[in-house]
Amino acid sequence: MEKLSQQEEDAMQAAWQKGNGFIREFLEAMPEPKPPYTTLASTIKNLENKGFLKSEKFGNSYRYSPVIQEEEYKKRFMSGFVSDYFKNSYKDLVTFFAKDKKISASDLQEIIKLIEKP
């Protein structure tokens, strides 16, 4: 799955938050600074073309809804990221963050507890 641009991710965050909606509703759900309406409309159309959103016509407008849920996107993106940068080794990923002091010993202990949970 391709990585979304920051602009596309922002639009998808609004779509995931709303569940479904019109461009104006997505715009209202976005944090400041909000993009111009026309920019968001173009981004939404691109996301539809890429298969991330689907549309349903209501009069002269379209209501959009996510095709891919947020968790699914995260899983696919992270799998690709780990594959591309860490030779498909999650151990190497955690080691990278531990060496760079981006993850603490207590964080690692929590992760171990999650792994060991029955």
PDB file of N, CA and C in Angstrom:
ATOM      1  N   MET A   1       0.860  -1.181   0.000  1.00  0.00           N
ATOM      2  CA  MET A   1       0.000   0.000   0.000  1.00  0.00           C
ATOM      3  C   MET A   1       0.897   1.233   0.000  1.00  0.00           C
ATOM      4  N   GLU A   2       0.554   2.173  -0.838  1.00  0.00           N
ATOM      5  CA  GLU A   2       1.379   3.378  -0.900  1.00  0.00           C
ATOM      6  C   GLU A   2       1.164   4.276   0.309  1.00  0.00           C
ATOM      7  N   LYS A   3       2.227   4.967   0.660  1.00  0.00           N
ATOM      8  CA  LYS A   3       2.165   5.924   1.770  1.00  0.00           C
ATOM      9  C   LYS A   3       1.419   7.152   1.276  1.00  0.00           C
ATOM     10  N   LEU A   4       0.523   7.645   2.103  1.00  0.00           N
ATOM     11  CA  LEU A   4      -0.205   8.858   1.771  1.00  0.00           C
ATOM     12  C   LEU A   4       0.658  10.080   2.075  1.00  0.00           C
ATOM     13  N   SER A   5       0.442  11.150   1.322  1.00  0.00           N
ATOM     14  CA  SER A   5       1.114  12.410   1.632  1.00  0.00           C
ATOM     15  C   SER A   5       0.509  12.956   2.927  1.00  0.00           C
ATOM     16  N   GLN A   6       1.174  13.936   3.526  1.00  0.00           N
ATOM     17  CA  GLN A   6       0.647  14.521   4.767  1.00  0.00           C
ATOM     18  C   GLN A   6      -0.743  15.107   4.539  1.00  0.00           C
ATOM     19  N   GLN A   7      -0.923  15.756   3.407  1.00  0.00           N
ATOM     20  CA  GLN A   7      -2.225  16.352   3.062  1.00  0.00           C
ATOM     21  C   GLN A   7      -3.296  15.263   2.950  1.00  0.00           C
ATOM     22  N   GLU A   8      -2.940  14.135   2.321  1.00  0.00           N
ATOM     23  CA  GLU A   8      -3.884  13.030   2.178  1.00  0.00           C
ATOM     24  C   GLU A   8      -4.179  12.380   3.535  1.00  0.00           C
ATOM     25  N   GLU A   9      -3.139  12.226   4.357  1.00  0.00           N
ATOM     26  CA  GLU A   9      -3.356  11.658   5.688  1.00  0.00           C
ATOM     27  C   GLU A   9      -4.272  12.540   6.522  1.00  0.00           C
ATOM     28  N   ASP A  10      -4.085  13.855   6.444  1.00  0.00           N
ATOM     29  CA  ASP A  10      -4.946  14.782   7.180  1.00  0.00           C
ATOM     30  C   ASP A  10      -6.405  14.622   6.746  1.00  0.00           C
ATOM     31  N   ALA A  11      -6.620  14.503   5.441  1.00  0.00           N
ATOM     32  CA  ALA A  11      -7.985  14.328   4.921  1.00  0.00           C
ATOM     33  C   ALA A  11      -8.566  12.986   5.373  1.00  0.00           C
ATOM     34  N   MET A  12      -7.739  11.942   5.347  1.00  0.00           N
ATOM     35  CA  MET A  12      -8.219  10.632   5.784  1.00  0.00           C
ATOM     36  C   MET A  12      -8.514  10.633   7.283  1.00  0.00           C
ATOM     37  N   GLN A  13      -7.738  11.345   8.072  1.00  0.00           N
ATOM     38  CA  GLN A  13      -8.021  11.441   9.505  1.00  0.00           C
ATOM     39  C   GLN A  13      -9.417  12.023   9.726  1.00  0.00           C
ATOM     40  N   ALA A  14      -9.747  13.052   8.957  1.00  0.00           N
ATOM     41  CA  ALA A  14     -11.085  13.651   9.061  1.00  0.00           C
ATOM     42  C   ALA A  14     -12.157  12.653   8.623  1.00  0.00           C
ATOM     43  N   ALA A  15     -11.884  11.917   7.552  1.00  0.00           N
ATOM     44  CA  ALA A  15     -12.852  10.929   7.064  1.00  0.00           C
ATOM     45  C   ALA A  15     -13.032   9.801   8.084  1.00  0.00           C
ATOM     46  N   TRP A  16     -11.929   9.336   8.662  1.00  0.00           N
ATOM     47  CA  TRP A  16     -12.035   8.284   9.678  1.00  0.00           C
ATOM     48  C   TRP A  16     -12.789   8.790  10.903  1.00  0.00           C
ATOM     49  N   GLN A  17     -12.553  10.031  11.266  1.00  0.00           N
ATOM     50  CA  GLN A  17     -13.225  10.617  12.430  1.00  0.00           C
ATOM     51  C   GLN A  17     -14.733  10.730  12.187  1.00  0.00           C
ATOM     52  N   LYS A  18     -15.127  11.194  11.003  1.00  0.00           N
ATOM     53  CA  LYS A  18     -16.548  11.407  10.693  1.00  0.00           C
ATOM     54  C   LYS A  18     -17.260  10.108  10.308  1.00  0.00           C
ATOM     55  N   GLY A  19     -16.520   9.157   9.738  1.00  0.00           N
ATOM     56  CA  GLY A  19     -17.147   7.923   9.254  1.00  0.00           C
ATOM     57  C   GLY A  19     -17.607   8.082   7.828  1.00  0.00           C
ATOM     58  N   ASN A  20     -18.443   9.049   7.584  1.00  0.00           N
ATOM     59  CA  ASN A  20     -18.799   9.448   6.225  1.00  0.00           C
ATOM     60  C   ASN A  20     -19.245  10.899   6.285  1.00  0.00           C
ATOM     61  N   GLY A  21     -19.146  11.565   5.163  1.00  0.00           N
ATOM     62  CA  GLY A  21     -19.548  12.967   5.167  1.00  0.00           C
ATOM     63  C   GLY A  21     -19.223  13.675   3.876  1.00  0.00           C
ATOM     64  N   PHE A  22     -19.619  14.905   3.848  1.00  0.00           N
ATOM     65  CA  PHE A  22     -19.371  15.773   2.704  1.00  0.00           C
ATOM     66  C   PHE A  22     -18.069  16.531   2.941  1.00  0.00           C
ATOM     67  N   ILE A  23     -17.513  17.068   1.894  1.00  0.00           N
ATOM     68  CA  ILE A  23     -16.236  17.768   1.990  1.00  0.00           C
ATOM     69  C   ILE A  23     -16.276  18.842   3.075  1.00  0.00           C
ATOM     70  N   ARG A  24     -17.348  19.604   3.131  1.00  0.00           N
ATOM     71  CA  ARG A  24     -17.458  20.669   4.127  1.00  0.00           C
ATOM     72  C   ARG A  24     -17.376  20.095   5.553  1.00  0.00           C
ATOM     73  N   GLU A  25     -17.984  18.945   5.785  1.00  0.00           N
ATOM     74  CA  GLU A  25     -17.925  18.312   7.109  1.00  0.00           C
ATOM     75  C   GLU A  25     -16.500  17.846   7.441  1.00  0.00           C
ATOM     76  N   PHE A  26     -15.806  17.315   6.443  1.00  0.00           N
ATOM     77  CA  PHE A  26     -14.416  16.914   6.657  1.00  0.00           C
ATOM     78  C   PHE A  26     -13.565  18.137   6.982  1.00  0.00           C
ATOM     79  N   LEU A  27     -13.823  19.224   6.270  1.00  0.00           N
ATOM     80  CA  LEU A  27     -13.079  20.463   6.498  1.00  0.00           C
ATOM     81  C   LEU A  27     -13.280  20.949   7.934  1.00  0.00           C
ATOM     82  N   GLU A  28     -14.509  20.895   8.413  1.00  0.00           N
ATOM     83  CA  GLU A  28     -14.809  21.323   9.785  1.00  0.00           C
ATOM     84  C   GLU A  28     -14.107  20.451  10.821  1.00  0.00           C
ATOM     85  N   ALA A  29     -13.891  19.174  10.501  1.00  0.00           N
ATOM     86  CA  ALA A  29     -13.267  18.238  11.435  1.00  0.00           C
ATOM     87  C   ALA A  29     -11.741  18.363  11.468  1.00  0.00           C
ATOM     88  N   MET A  30     -11.178  19.090  10.520  1.00  0.00           N
ATOM     89  CA  MET A  30      -9.722  19.200  10.433  1.00  0.00           C
ATOM     90  C   MET A  30      -9.193  20.270  11.387  1.00  0.00           C
ATOM     91  N   PRO A  31      -7.976  20.062  11.896  1.00  0.00           N
ATOM     92  CA  PRO A  31      -7.380  21.062  12.797  1.00  0.00           C
ATOM     93  C   PRO A  31      -6.909  22.282  12.015  1.00  0.00           C
ATOM     94  N   GLU A  32      -6.672  23.344  12.731  1.00  0.00           N
ATOM     95  CA  GLU A  32      -6.108  24.557  12.122  1.00  0.00           C
ATOM     96  C   GLU A  32      -4.620  24.331  11.859  1.00  0.00           C
ATOM     97  N   PRO A  33      -4.059  24.904  10.847  1.00  0.00           N
ATOM     98  CA  PRO A  33      -4.712  25.683   9.805  1.00  0.00           C
ATOM     99  C   PRO A  33      -5.396  24.753   8.801  1.00  0.00           C
ATOM    100  N   LYS A  34      -6.639  25.044   8.506  1.00  0.00           N
ATOM    101  CA  LYS A  34      -7.416  24.241   7.575  1.00  0.00           C
ATOM    102  C   LYS A  34      -6.998  24.573   6.141  1.00  0.00           C
ATOM    103  N   PRO A  35      -7.004  23.566   5.271  1.00  0.00           N
ATOM    104  CA  PRO A  35      -6.696  23.850   3.863  1.00  0.00           C
ATOM    105  C   PRO A  35      -7.872  24.564   3.203  1.00  0.00           C
ATOM    106  N   PRO A  36      -7.630  25.234   2.090  1.00  0.00           N
ATOM    107  CA  PRO A  36      -8.759  25.802   1.345  1.00  0.00           C
ATOM    108  C   PRO A  36      -9.714  24.684   0.897  1.00  0.00           C
ATOM    109  N   TYR A  37     -10.979  25.013   0.788  1.00  0.00           N
ATOM    110  CA  TYR A  37     -11.998  24.038   0.394  1.00  0.00           C
ATOM    111  C   TYR A  37     -11.612  23.329  -0.904  1.00  0.00           C
ATOM    112  N   THR A  38     -11.162  24.103  -1.895  1.00  0.00           N
ATOM    113  CA  THR A  38     -10.840  23.514  -3.208  1.00  0.00           C
ATOM    114  C   THR A  38      -9.664  22.549  -3.114  1.00  0.00           C
ATOM    115  N   THR A  39      -8.711  22.844  -2.249  1.00  0.00           N
ATOM    116  CA  THR A  39      -7.569  21.949  -2.056  1.00  0.00           C
ATOM    117  C   THR A  39      -8.033  20.641  -1.443  1.00  0.00           C
ATOM    118  N   LEU A  40      -8.880  20.742  -0.424  1.00  0.00           N
ATOM    119  CA  LEU A  40      -9.412  19.528   0.208  1.00  0.00           C
ATOM    120  C   LEU A  40     -10.251  18.733  -0.791  1.00  0.00           C
ATOM    121  N   ALA A  41     -11.042  19.411  -1.592  1.00  0.00           N
ATOM    122  CA  ALA A  41     -11.873  18.721  -2.595  1.00  0.00           C
ATOM    123  C   ALA A  41     -10.990  17.924  -3.563  1.00  0.00           C
ATOM    124  N   SER A  42      -9.882  18.514  -3.993  1.00  0.00           N
ATOM    125  CA  SER A  42      -8.947  17.814  -4.900  1.00  0.00           C
ATOM    126  C   SER A  42      -8.318  16.620  -4.200  1.00  0.00           C
ATOM    127  N   THR A  43      -7.945  16.814  -2.953  1.00  0.00           N
ATOM    128  CA  THR A  43      -7.329  15.733  -2.184  1.00  0.00           C
ATOM    129  C   THR A  43      -8.308  14.581  -2.001  1.00  0.00           C
ATOM    130  N   ILE A  44      -9.557  14.903  -1.685  1.00  0.00           N
ATOM    131  CA  ILE A  44     -10.596  13.879  -1.510  1.00  0.00           C
ATOM    132  C   ILE A  44     -10.797  13.106  -2.808  1.00  0.00           C
ATOM    133  N   LYS A  45     -10.827  13.803  -3.924  1.00  0.00           N
ATOM    134  CA  LYS A  45     -10.999  13.144  -5.225  1.00  0.00           C
ATOM    135  C   LYS A  45      -9.821  12.218  -5.518  1.00  0.00           C
ATOM    136  N   ASN A  46      -8.599  12.657  -5.184  1.00  0.00           N
ATOM    137  CA  ASN A  46      -7.420  11.809  -5.378  1.00  0.00           C
ATOM    138  C   ASN A  46      -7.498  10.557  -4.506  1.00  0.00           C
ATOM    139  N   LEU A  47      -7.961  10.734  -3.268  1.00  0.00           N
ATOM    140  CA  LEU A  47      -8.104   9.586  -2.369  1.00  0.00           C
ATOM    141  C   LEU A  47      -9.152   8.603  -2.886  1.00  0.00           C
ATOM    142  N   GLU A  48     -10.187   9.135  -3.510  1.00  0.00           N
ATOM    143  CA  GLU A  48     -11.194   8.256  -4.120  1.00  0.00           C
ATOM    144  C   GLU A  48     -10.570   7.493  -5.285  1.00  0.00           C
ATOM    145  N   ASN A  49      -9.802   8.186  -6.120  1.00  0.00           N
ATOM    146  CA  ASN A  49      -9.145   7.544  -7.262  1.00  0.00           C
ATOM    147  C   ASN A  49      -8.145   6.477  -6.831  1.00  0.00           C
ATOM    148  N   LYS A  50      -7.533   6.670  -5.662  1.00  0.00           N
ATOM    149  CA  LYS A  50      -6.565   5.707  -5.135  1.00  0.00           C
ATOM    150  C   LYS A  50      -7.242   4.553  -4.398  1.00  0.00           C
ATOM    151  N   GLY A  51      -8.554   4.638  -4.206  1.00  0.00           N
ATOM    152  CA  GLY A  51      -9.291   3.560  -3.567  1.00  0.00           C
ATOM    153  C   GLY A  51      -9.387   3.658  -2.052  1.00  0.00           C
ATOM    154  N   PHE A  52      -9.047   4.812  -1.484  1.00  0.00           N
ATOM    155  CA  PHE A  52      -9.142   4.990  -0.043  1.00  0.00           C
ATOM    156  C   PHE A  52     -10.542   5.450   0.384  1.00  0.00           C
ATOM    157  N   LEU A  53     -11.238   6.145  -0.496  1.00  0.00           N
ATOM    158  CA  LEU A  53     -12.588   6.640  -0.221  1.00  0.00           C
ATOM    159  C   LEU A  53     -13.518   6.197  -1.339  1.00  0.00           C
ATOM    160  N   LYS A  54     -14.800   6.120  -1.018  1.00  0.00           N
ATOM    161  CA  LYS A  54     -15.822   5.899  -2.048  1.00  0.00           C
ATOM    162  C   LYS A  54     -16.846   7.014  -1.904  1.00  0.00           C
ATOM    163  N   SER A  55     -17.560   7.280  -2.979  1.00  0.00           N
ATOM    164  CA  SER A  55     -18.534   8.366  -2.936  1.00  0.00           C
ATOM    165  C   SER A  55     -19.920   7.864  -3.301  1.00  0.00           C
ATOM    166  N   GLU A  56     -20.897   8.620  -2.803  1.00  0.00           N
ATOM    167  CA  GLU A  56     -22.300   8.366  -3.088  1.00  0.00           C
ATOM    168  C   GLU A  56     -22.924   9.720  -3.418  1.00  0.00           C
ATOM    169  N   LYS A  57     -23.605   9.790  -4.553  1.00  0.00           N
ATOM    170  CA  LYS A  57     -24.163  11.064  -4.992  1.00  0.00           C
ATOM    171  C   LYS A  57     -25.455  11.380  -4.242  1.00  0.00           C
ATOM    172  N   PHE A  58     -25.524  12.614  -3.725  1.00  0.00           N
ATOM    173  CA  PHE A  58     -26.714  13.147  -3.074  1.00  0.00           C
ATOM    174  C   PHE A  58     -27.028  14.475  -3.740  1.00  0.00           C
ATOM    175  N   GLY A  59     -27.985  14.485  -4.646  1.00  0.00           N
ATOM    176  CA  GLY A  59     -28.307  15.712  -5.375  1.00  0.00           C
ATOM    177  C   GLY A  59     -27.106  16.166  -6.180  1.00  0.00           C
ATOM    178  N   ASN A  60     -26.628  17.366  -5.913  1.00  0.00           N
ATOM    179  CA  ASN A  60     -25.465  17.895  -6.618  1.00  0.00           C
ATOM    180  C   ASN A  60     -24.153  17.655  -5.860  1.00  0.00           C
ATOM    181  N   SER A  61     -24.220  16.969  -4.751  1.00  0.00           N
ATOM    182  CA  SER A  61     -23.038  16.754  -3.913  1.00  0.00           C
ATOM    183  C   SER A  61     -22.721  15.270  -3.789  1.00  0.00           C
ATOM    184  N   TYR A  62     -21.538  15.009  -3.283  1.00  0.00           N
ATOM    185  CA  TYR A  62     -21.103  13.640  -3.025  1.00  0.00           C
ATOM    186  C   TYR A  62     -20.784  13.484  -1.545  1.00  0.00           C
ATOM    187  N   ARG A  63     -21.231  12.362  -0.997  1.00  0.00           N
ATOM    188  CA  ARG A  63     -20.875  12.014   0.371  1.00  0.00           C
ATOM    189  C   ARG A  63     -19.810  10.918   0.276  1.00  0.00           C
ATOM    190  N   TYR A  64     -18.740  11.108   1.007  1.00  0.00           N
ATOM    191  CA  TYR A  64     -17.604  10.196   0.952  1.00  0.00           C
ATOM    192  C   TYR A  64     -17.522   9.370   2.221  1.00  0.00           C
ATOM    193  N   SER A  65     -17.032   8.152   2.077  1.00  0.00           N
ATOM    194  CA  SER A  65     -16.799   7.295   3.234  1.00  0.00           C
ATOM    195  C   SER A  65     -15.532   6.475   2.995  1.00  0.00           C
ATOM    196  N   PRO A  66     -14.828   6.155   4.076  1.00  0.00           N
ATOM    197  CA  PRO A  66     -13.584   5.390   3.940  1.00  0.00           C
ATOM    198  C   PRO A  66     -13.836   3.976   3.434  1.00  0.00           C
ATOM    199  N   VAL A  67     -12.981   3.534   2.544  1.00  0.00           N
ATOM    200  CA  VAL A  67     -12.990   2.152   2.076  1.00  0.00           C
ATOM    201  C   VAL A  67     -12.037   1.350   2.964  1.00  0.00           C
ATOM    202  N   ILE A  68     -10.952   1.991   3.352  1.00  0.00           N
ATOM    203  CA  ILE A  68      -9.931   1.377   4.192  1.00  0.00           C
ATOM    204  C   ILE A  68     -10.017   2.007   5.579  1.00  0.00           C
ATOM    205  N   GLN A  69     -10.128   1.198   6.592  1.00  0.00           N
ATOM    206  CA  GLN A  69     -10.202   1.704   7.958  1.00  0.00           C
ATOM    207  C   GLN A  69      -8.808   2.077   8.452  1.00  0.00           C
ATOM    208  N   GLU A  70      -8.780   2.945   9.445  1.00  0.00           N
ATOM    209  CA  GLU A  70      -7.517   3.487   9.953  1.00  0.00           C
ATOM    210  C   GLU A  70      -6.564   2.385  10.412  1.00  0.00           C
ATOM    211  N   GLU A  71      -7.057   1.411  11.159  1.00  0.00           N
ATOM    212  CA  GLU A  71      -6.200   0.326  11.659  1.00  0.00           C
ATOM    213  C   GLU A  71      -5.593  -0.472  10.516  1.00  0.00           C
ATOM    214  N   GLU A  72      -6.380  -0.725   9.478  1.00  0.00           N
ATOM    215  CA  GLU A  72      -5.885  -1.475   8.318  1.00  0.00           C
ATOM    216  C   GLU A  72      -4.768  -0.689   7.632  1.00  0.00           C
ATOM    217  N   TYR A  73      -4.960   0.618   7.468  1.00  0.00           N
ATOM    218  CA  TYR A  73      -3.936   1.459   6.849  1.00  0.00           C
ATOM    219  C   TYR A  73      -2.653   1.427   7.681  1.00  0.00           C
ATOM    220  N   LYS A  74      -2.785   1.577   8.994  1.00  0.00           N
ATOM    221  CA  LYS A  74      -1.605   1.558   9.868  1.00  0.00           C
ATOM    222  C   LYS A  74      -0.848   0.240   9.741  1.00  0.00           C
ATOM    223  N   LYS A  75      -1.589  -0.882   9.764  1.00  0.00           N
ATOM    224  CA  LYS A  75      -0.943  -2.193   9.663  1.00  0.00           C
ATOM    225  C   LYS A  75      -0.200  -2.343   8.340  1.00  0.00           C
ATOM    226  N   ARG A  76      -0.860  -1.986   7.246  1.00  0.00           N
ATOM    227  CA  ARG A  76      -0.226  -2.123   5.931  1.00  0.00           C
ATOM    228  C   ARG A  76       0.967  -1.191   5.788  1.00  0.00           C
ATOM    229  N   PHE A  77       0.802   0.047   6.245  1.00  0.00           N
ATOM    230  CA  PHE A  77       1.890   1.009   6.140  1.00  0.00           C
ATOM    231  C   PHE A  77       3.084   0.566   6.980  1.00  0.00           C
ATOM    232  N   MET A  78       2.827   0.161   8.216  1.00  0.00           N
ATOM    233  CA  MET A  78       3.918  -0.247   9.097  1.00  0.00           C
ATOM    234  C   MET A  78       4.615  -1.499   8.570  1.00  0.00           C
ATOM    235  N   SER A  79       3.878  -2.420   8.014  1.00  0.00           N
ATOM    236  CA  SER A  79       4.495  -3.618   7.431  1.00  0.00           C
ATOM    237  C   SER A  79       5.451  -3.232   6.314  1.00  0.00           C
ATOM    238  N   GLY A  80       5.021  -2.318   5.461  1.00  0.00           N
ATOM    239  CA  GLY A  80       5.878  -1.851   4.376  1.00  0.00           C
ATOM    240  C   GLY A  80       7.079  -1.093   4.898  1.00  0.00           C
ATOM    241  N   PHE A  81       6.865  -0.276   5.920  1.00  0.00           N
ATOM    242  CA  PHE A  81       7.939   0.513   6.520  1.00  0.00           C
ATOM    243  C   PHE A  81       9.005  -0.402   7.121  1.00  0.00           C
ATOM    244  N   VAL A  82       8.565  -1.382   7.900  1.00  0.00           N
ATOM    245  CA  VAL A  82       9.508  -2.308   8.531  1.00  0.00           C
ATOM    246  C   VAL A  82      10.242  -3.111   7.458  1.00  0.00           C
ATOM    247  N   SER A  83       9.527  -3.513   6.437  1.00  0.00           N
ATOM    248  CA  SER A  83      10.149  -4.261   5.346  1.00  0.00           C
ATOM    249  C   SER A  83      11.196  -3.417   4.623  1.00  0.00           C
ATOM    250  N   ASP A  84      10.856  -2.174   4.313  1.00  0.00           N
ATOM    251  CA  ASP A  84      11.754  -1.303   3.546  1.00  0.00           C
ATOM    252  C   ASP A  84      12.975  -0.853   4.338  1.00  0.00           C
ATOM    253  N   TYR A  85      12.801  -0.527   5.605  1.00  0.00           N
ATOM    254  CA  TYR A  85      13.877   0.087   6.375  1.00  0.00           C
ATOM    255  C   TYR A  85      14.570  -0.848   7.364  1.00  0.00           C
ATOM    256  N   PHE A  86      13.921  -1.957   7.724  1.00  0.00           N
ATOM    257  CA  PHE A  86      14.490  -2.829   8.747  1.00  0.00           C
ATOM    258  C   PHE A  86      14.517  -4.288   8.306  1.00  0.00           C
ATOM    259  N   LYS A  87      14.554  -4.520   7.011  1.00  0.00           N
ATOM    260  CA  LYS A  87      14.650  -5.875   6.442  1.00  0.00           C
ATOM    261  C   LYS A  87      13.624  -6.822   7.043  1.00  0.00           C
ATOM    262  N   ASN A  88      12.441  -6.304   7.284  1.00  0.00           N
ATOM    263  CA  ASN A  88      11.305  -7.071   7.804  1.00  0.00           C
ATOM    264  C   ASN A  88      11.528  -7.577   9.231  1.00  0.00           C
ATOM    265  N   SER A  89      12.397  -6.885   9.981  1.00  0.00           N
ATOM    266  CA  SER A  89      12.697  -7.295  11.356  1.00  0.00           C
ATOM    267  C   SER A  89      12.164  -6.259  12.342  1.00  0.00           C
ATOM    268  N   TYR A  90      11.130  -6.655  13.091  1.00  0.00           N
ATOM    269  CA  TYR A  90      10.597  -5.771  14.115  1.00  0.00           C
ATOM    270  C   TYR A  90      11.590  -5.634  15.265  1.00  0.00           C
ATOM    271  N   LYS A  91      12.405  -6.664  15.470  1.00  0.00           N
ATOM    272  CA  LYS A  91      13.465  -6.592  16.482  1.00  0.00           C
ATOM    273  C   LYS A  91      14.428  -5.462  16.134  1.00  0.00           C
ATOM    274  N   ASP A  92      14.821  -5.376  14.863  1.00  0.00           N
ATOM    275  CA  ASP A  92      15.723  -4.297  14.433  1.00  0.00           C
ATOM    276  C   ASP A  92      15.066  -2.926  14.598  1.00  0.00           C
ATOM    277  N   LEU A  93      13.756  -2.856  14.378  1.00  0.00           N
ATOM    278  CA  LEU A  93      13.027  -1.603  14.567  1.00  0.00           C
ATOM    279  C   LEU A  93      13.095  -1.157  16.034  1.00  0.00           C
ATOM    280  N   VAL A  94      12.790  -2.068  16.954  1.00  0.00           N
ATOM    281  CA  VAL A  94      12.818  -1.732  18.377  1.00  0.00           C
ATOM    282  C   VAL A  94      14.250  -1.400  18.806  1.00  0.00           C
ATOM    283  N   THR A  95      15.227  -2.156  18.311  1.00  0.00           N
ATOM    284  CA  THR A  95      16.633  -1.899  18.633  1.00  0.00           C
ATOM    285  C   THR A  95      17.045  -0.503  18.174  1.00  0.00           C
ATOM    286  N   PHE A  96      16.599  -0.118  17.005  1.00  0.00           N
ATOM    287  CA  PHE A  96      16.897   1.221  16.475  1.00  0.00           C
ATOM    288  C   PHE A  96      16.415   2.307  17.443  1.00  0.00           C
ATOM    289  N   PHE A  97      15.183   2.171  17.905  1.00  0.00           N
ATOM    290  CA  PHE A  97      14.628   3.174  18.810  1.00  0.00           C
ATOM    291  C   PHE A  97      15.282   3.115  20.194  1.00  0.00           C
ATOM    292  N   ALA A  98      15.640   1.916  20.638  1.00  0.00           N
ATOM    293  CA  ALA A  98      16.308   1.782  21.941  1.00  0.00           C
ATOM    294  C   ALA A  98      17.684   2.431  21.899  1.00  0.00           C
ATOM    295  N   LYS A  99      18.444   2.183  20.837  1.00  0.00           N
ATOM    296  CA  LYS A  99      19.784   2.778  20.708  1.00  0.00           C
ATOM    297  C   LYS A  99      19.715   4.295  20.611  1.00  0.00           C
ATOM    298  N   ASP A 100      18.674   4.783  19.964  1.00  0.00           N
ATOM    299  CA  ASP A 100      18.513   6.227  19.776  1.00  0.00           C
ATOM    300  C   ASP A 100      17.825   6.880  20.982  1.00  0.00           C
ATOM    301  N   LYS A 101      17.589   6.066  22.027  1.00  0.00           N
ATOM    302  CA  LYS A 101      16.952   6.524  23.271  1.00  0.00           C
ATOM    303  C   LYS A 101      15.567   7.144  23.028  1.00  0.00           C
ATOM    304  N   LYS A 102      14.844   6.584  22.075  1.00  0.00           N
ATOM    305  CA  LYS A 102      13.472   7.018  21.790  1.00  0.00           C
ATOM    306  C   LYS A 102      12.456   6.117  22.484  1.00  0.00           C
ATOM    307  N   ILE A 103      12.967   5.053  23.103  1.00  0.00           N
ATOM    308  CA  ILE A 103      12.104   4.137  23.841  1.00  0.00           C
ATOM    309  C   ILE A 103      12.824   3.801  25.148  1.00  0.00           C
ATOM    310  N   SER A 104      12.099   3.856  26.234  1.00  0.00           N
ATOM    311  CA  SER A 104      12.714   3.649  27.548  1.00  0.00           C
ATOM    312  C   SER A 104      12.639   2.179  27.962  1.00  0.00           C
ATOM    313  N   ALA A 105      13.381   1.863  29.015  1.00  0.00           N
ATOM    314  CA  ALA A 105      13.354   0.509  29.565  1.00  0.00           C
ATOM    315  C   ALA A 105      11.946   0.162  30.058  1.00  0.00           C
ATOM    316  N   SER A 106      11.265   1.136  30.667  1.00  0.00           N
ATOM    317  CA  SER A 106       9.901   0.856  31.147  1.00  0.00           C
ATOM    318  C   SER A 106       8.946   0.624  29.963  1.00  0.00           C
ATOM    319  N   ASP A 107       9.165   1.352  28.864  1.00  0.00           N
ATOM    320  CA  ASP A 107       8.360   1.098  27.651  1.00  0.00           C
ATOM    321  C   ASP A 107       8.592  -0.323  27.157  1.00  0.00           C
ATOM    322  N   LEU A 108       9.851  -0.747  27.145  1.00  0.00           N
ATOM    323  CA  LEU A 108      10.176  -2.105  26.689  1.00  0.00           C
ATOM    324  C   LEU A 108       9.553  -3.153  27.612  1.00  0.00           C
ATOM    325  N   GLN A 109       9.545  -2.878  28.916  1.00  0.00           N
ATOM    326  CA  GLN A 109       8.927  -3.815  29.860  1.00  0.00           C
ATOM    327  C   GLN A 109       7.426  -3.936  29.597  1.00  0.00           C
ATOM    328  N   GLU A 110       6.782  -2.821  29.274  1.00  0.00           N
ATOM    329  CA  GLU A 110       5.351  -2.858  28.929  1.00  0.00           C
ATOM    330  C   GLU A 110       5.114  -3.681  27.667  1.00  0.00           C
ATOM    331  N   ILE A 111       5.990  -3.500  26.693  1.00  0.00           N
ATOM    332  CA  ILE A 111       5.878  -4.264  25.433  1.00  0.00           C
ATOM    333  C   ILE A 111       6.035  -5.751  25.717  1.00  0.00           C
ATOM    334  N   ILE A 112       7.019  -6.104  26.552  1.00  0.00           N
ATOM    335  CA  ILE A 112       7.235  -7.520  26.909  1.00  0.00           C
ATOM    336  C   ILE A 112       5.991  -8.083  27.596  1.00  0.00           C
ATOM    337  N   LYS A 113       5.377  -7.322  28.484  1.00  0.00           N
ATOM    338  CA  LYS A 113       4.157  -7.786  29.168  1.00  0.00           C
ATOM    339  C   LYS A 113       3.035  -8.031  28.158  1.00  0.00           C
ATOM    340  N   LEU A 114       2.914  -7.148  27.167  1.00  0.00           N
ATOM    341  CA  LEU A 114       1.892  -7.337  26.131  1.00  0.00           C
ATOM    342  C   LEU A 114       2.159  -8.600  25.321  1.00  0.00           C
ATOM    343  N   ILE A 115       3.421  -8.841  25.018  1.00  0.00           N
ATOM    344  CA  ILE A 115       3.787 -10.033  24.231  1.00  0.00           C
ATOM    345  C   ILE A 115       3.519 -11.300  25.028  1.00  0.00           C
ATOM    346  N   GLU A 116       3.828 -11.275  26.319  1.00  0.00           N
ATOM    347  CA  GLU A 116       3.693 -12.468  27.157  1.00  0.00           C
ATOM    348  C   GLU A 116       2.280 -12.750  27.630  1.00  0.00           C
ATOM    349  N   LYS A 117       1.377 -11.788  27.430  1.00  0.00           N
ATOM    350  CA  LYS A 117      -0.027 -11.982  27.830  1.00  0.00           C
ATOM    351  C   LYS A 117      -0.606 -13.190  27.101  1.00  0.00           C
ATOM    352  N   PRO A 118      -1.333 -14.045  27.845  1.00  0.00           N
ATOM    353  CA  PRO A 118      -1.933 -15.226  27.176  1.00  0.00           C
ATOM    354  C   PRO A 118      -3.058 -14.843  26.255  1.00  0.00           C
TER     355      PRO A 118
END
